[in-house]
C-alpha atoms as a PDB file:
ATOM      1  CA  MET A   1     -18.813   7.715  48.487  1.00  0.00           C
ATOM      2  CA  PRO A   2     -20.170   4.157  49.037  1.00  0.00           C
ATOM      3  CA  GLU A   3     -16.762   2.794  47.987  1.00  0.00           C
ATOM      4  CA  LEU A   4     -15.084   4.833  50.716  1.00  0.00           C
ATOM      5  CA  GLU A   5     -17.594   3.625  53.308  1.00  0.00           C
ATOM      6  CA  ALA A   6     -17.019   0.006  52.272  1.00  0.00           C
ATOM      7  CA  LEU A   7     -13.261   0.529  52.469  1.00  0.00           C
ATOM      8  CA  THR A   8     -13.569   2.029  55.942  1.00  0.00           C
ATOM      9  CA  GLY A   9     -15.718  -0.882  57.092  1.00  0.00           C
ATOM     10  CA  HIS A  10     -13.256  -3.463  55.797  1.00  0.00           C
ATOM     11  CA  VAL A  11     -10.275  -1.740  57.375  1.00  0.00           C
ATOM     12  CA  ARG A  12     -12.064  -1.532  60.728  1.00  0.00           C
ATOM     13  CA  ALA A  13     -13.102  -5.195  60.501  1.00  0.00           C
ATOM     14  CA  PHE A  14      -9.497  -6.174  59.795  1.00  0.00           C
ATOM     15  CA  GLY A  15      -8.340  -4.125  62.769  1.00  0.00           C
ATOM     16  CA  LYS A  16     -10.791  -5.959  65.014  1.00  0.00           C
ATOM     17  CA  THR A  17      -9.157  -9.295  64.087  1.00  0.00           C
ATOM     18  CA  LEU A  18      -5.691  -8.069  65.048  1.00  0.00           C
ATOM     19  CA  THR A  19      -5.985  -7.371  68.760  1.00  0.00           C
ATOM     20  CA  PRO A  20      -8.015 -10.360  70.038  1.00  0.00           C
ATOM     21  CA  LEU A  21      -6.028 -12.816  67.845  1.00  0.00           C
ATOM     22  CA  GLN A  22      -8.930 -13.908  65.637  1.00  0.00           C
ATOM     23  CA  GLY A  23      -6.967 -15.186  62.649  1.00  0.00           C
ATOM     24  CA  ASP A  24      -9.659 -17.756  61.922  1.00  0.00           C
ATOM     25  CA  GLN A  25     -11.870 -14.868  60.722  1.00  0.00           C
ATOM     26  CA  LEU A  26      -9.388 -13.875  58.011  1.00  0.00           C
ATOM     27  CA  PRO A  27     -10.854 -16.010  55.169  1.00  0.00           C
ATOM     28  CA  HIS A  28     -14.310 -14.490  55.814  1.00  0.00           C
ATOM     29  CA  TRP A  29     -12.809 -11.002  55.726  1.00  0.00           C
ATOM     30  CA  ILE A  30     -10.977 -11.746  52.469  1.00  0.00           C
ATOM     31  CA  LYS A  31     -14.183 -13.079  50.920  1.00  0.00           C
ATOM     32  CA  ALA A  32     -16.055  -9.905  51.915  1.00  0.00           C
ATOM     33  CA  VAL A  33     -13.326  -7.681  50.442  1.00  0.00           C
ATOM     34  CA  ARG A  34     -13.329  -9.674  47.192  1.00  0.00           C
ATOM     35  CA  ALA A  35     -17.133  -9.319  46.989  1.00  0.00           C
ATOM     36  CA  ASP A  36     -16.867  -5.511  47.092  1.00  0.00           C
ATOM     37  CA  ASP A  37     -14.008  -5.477  44.532  1.00  0.00           C
ATOM     38  CA  LEU A  38     -12.120  -2.562  46.048  1.00  0.00           C
ATOM     39  CA  PRO A  39      -8.954  -1.845  44.030  1.00  0.00           C
ATOM     40  CA  SER A  40      -7.269  -0.229  47.016  1.00  0.00           C
ATOM     41  CA  LEU A  41      -7.515  -3.454  49.058  1.00  0.00           C
ATOM     42  CA  ARG A  42      -7.058  -5.935  46.205  1.00  0.00           C
ATOM     43  CA  THR A  43      -3.242  -5.828  46.340  1.00  0.00           C
ATOM     44  CA  PHE A  44      -3.256  -6.190  50.115  1.00  0.00           C
ATOM     45  CA  VAL A  45      -5.569  -9.214  49.958  1.00  0.00           C
ATOM     46  CA  ASN A  46      -3.439 -10.784  47.212  1.00  0.00           C
ATOM     47  CA  GLY A  47      -0.406 -10.442  49.473  1.00  0.00           C
ATOM     48  CA  LEU A  48      -2.250 -12.026  52.382  1.00  0.00           C
ATOM     49  CA  GLU A  49      -3.374 -14.940  50.250  1.00  0.00           C
ATOM     50  CA  ARG A  50       0.147 -15.633  49.007  1.00  0.00           C
ATOM     51  CA  ASP A  51       1.079 -16.870  52.471  1.00  0.00           C
ATOM     52  CA  LEU A  52      -2.293 -17.309  54.123  1.00  0.00           C
ATOM     53  CA  ALA A  53      -1.135 -20.017  56.541  1.00  0.00           C
ATOM     54  CA  ALA A  54       1.612 -17.804  57.986  1.00  0.00           C
ATOM     55  CA  VAL A  55      -0.648 -14.760  58.233  1.00  0.00           C
ATOM     56  CA  THR A  56      -3.376 -16.800  59.929  1.00  0.00           C
ATOM     57  CA  ALA A  57      -0.839 -18.227  62.387  1.00  0.00           C
ATOM     58  CA  GLY A  58       0.472 -14.732  63.108  1.00  0.00           C
ATOM     59  CA  LEU A  59      -3.047 -13.483  63.801  1.00  0.00           C
ATOM     60  CA  THR A  60      -3.978 -16.518  65.911  1.00  0.00           C
ATOM     61  CA  LEU A  61      -0.990 -17.628  67.974  1.00  0.00           C
ATOM     62  CA  PRO A  62       0.089 -15.678  71.060  1.00  0.00           C
ATOM     63  CA  TRP A  63       3.821 -15.798  70.272  1.00  0.00           C
ATOM     64  CA  SER A  64       5.709 -12.777  69.019  1.00  0.00           C
ATOM     65  CA  SER A  65       9.182 -12.214  67.587  1.00  0.00           C
ATOM     66  CA  GLY A  66       9.163  -8.606  68.765  1.00  0.00           C
ATOM     67  CA  VAL A  67      12.054  -9.047  71.200  1.00  0.00           C
ATOM     68  CA  VAL A  68      14.261 -10.638  68.538  1.00  0.00           C
ATOM     69  CA  GLU A  69      13.349  -7.923  66.044  1.00  0.00           C
ATOM     70  CA  GLY A  70      14.293  -5.311  68.648  1.00  0.00           C
ATOM     71  CA  HIS A  71      17.751  -6.833  69.055  1.00  0.00           C
ATOM     72  CA  VAL A  72      18.243  -7.047  65.290  1.00  0.00           C
ATOM     73  CA  ASN A  73      17.226  -3.390  64.971  1.00  0.00           C
ATOM     74  CA  ARG A  74      19.694  -2.407  67.726  1.00  0.00           C
ATOM     75  CA  ILE A  75      22.552  -4.299  66.043  1.00  0.00           C
ATOM     76  CA  LYS A  76      21.774  -2.704  62.677  1.00  0.00           C
ATOM     77  CA  MET A  77      21.803   0.746  64.302  1.00  0.00           C
ATOM     78  CA  ILE A  78      25.235   0.083  65.831  1.00  0.00           C
ATOM     79  CA  LYS A  79      26.482  -1.172  62.461  1.00  0.00           C
ATOM     80  CA  ARG A  80      25.265   2.016  60.732  1.00  0.00           C
ATOM     81  CA  GLN A  81      26.884   4.194  63.415  1.00  0.00           C
ATOM     82  CA  MET A  82      30.199   2.387  63.070  1.00  0.00           C
ATOM     83  CA  TYR A  83      30.252   2.154  59.264  1.00  0.00           C
ATOM     84  CA  GLY A  84      33.723   2.966  57.934  1.00  0.00           C
ATOM     85  CA  ARG A  85      35.134   3.838  61.356  1.00  0.00           C
ATOM     86  CA  ALA A  86      36.599   0.600  62.605  1.00  0.00           C
ATOM     87  CA  GLY A  87      37.222  -3.006  61.792  1.00  0.00           C
ATOM     88  CA  PHE A  88      35.134  -5.859  63.118  1.00  0.00           C
ATOM     89  CA  ASP A  89      36.449  -5.789  66.721  1.00  0.00           C
ATOM     90  CA  LEU A  90      34.977  -2.466  67.897  1.00  0.00           C
ATOM     91  CA  PRO A  91      31.394  -3.063  66.641  1.00  0.00           C
ATOM     92  CA  ARG A  92      31.589  -6.591  68.089  1.00  0.00           C
ATOM     93  CA  LYS A  93      32.495  -5.172  71.510  1.00  0.00           C
ATOM     94  CA  ARG A  94      29.690  -2.610  71.309  1.00  0.00           C
ATOM     95  CA  VAL A  95      27.142  -5.291  70.470  1.00  0.00           C
ATOM     96  CA  LEU A  96      28.305  -7.666  73.195  1.00  0.00           C
ATOM     97  CA  LEU A  97      28.599  -4.994  75.895  1.00  0.00           C
ATOM     98  CA  ALA A  98      25.337  -3.201  75.132  1.00  0.00           C
END
């Protein structure tokens, strides 16, 4: 049970760094997770460390690519709806007119 409590504490601590944009706290969090040696978080921490600079920037800077991702998602949905039904012209019109 202490492993589950440690896991819960680490997940909550990570969540607290997300909302107020406290990416500078990420190395301390990673160090704490490594100290507890939790297998369930080890893979996640390894992934974070692979591109630590980008993750820290994403958790620190106020900019977001959410709007762009929304447009990409919308275009992919139109593409899936139109698959096999028309050539390039009809999906192009739907994307441009939407």
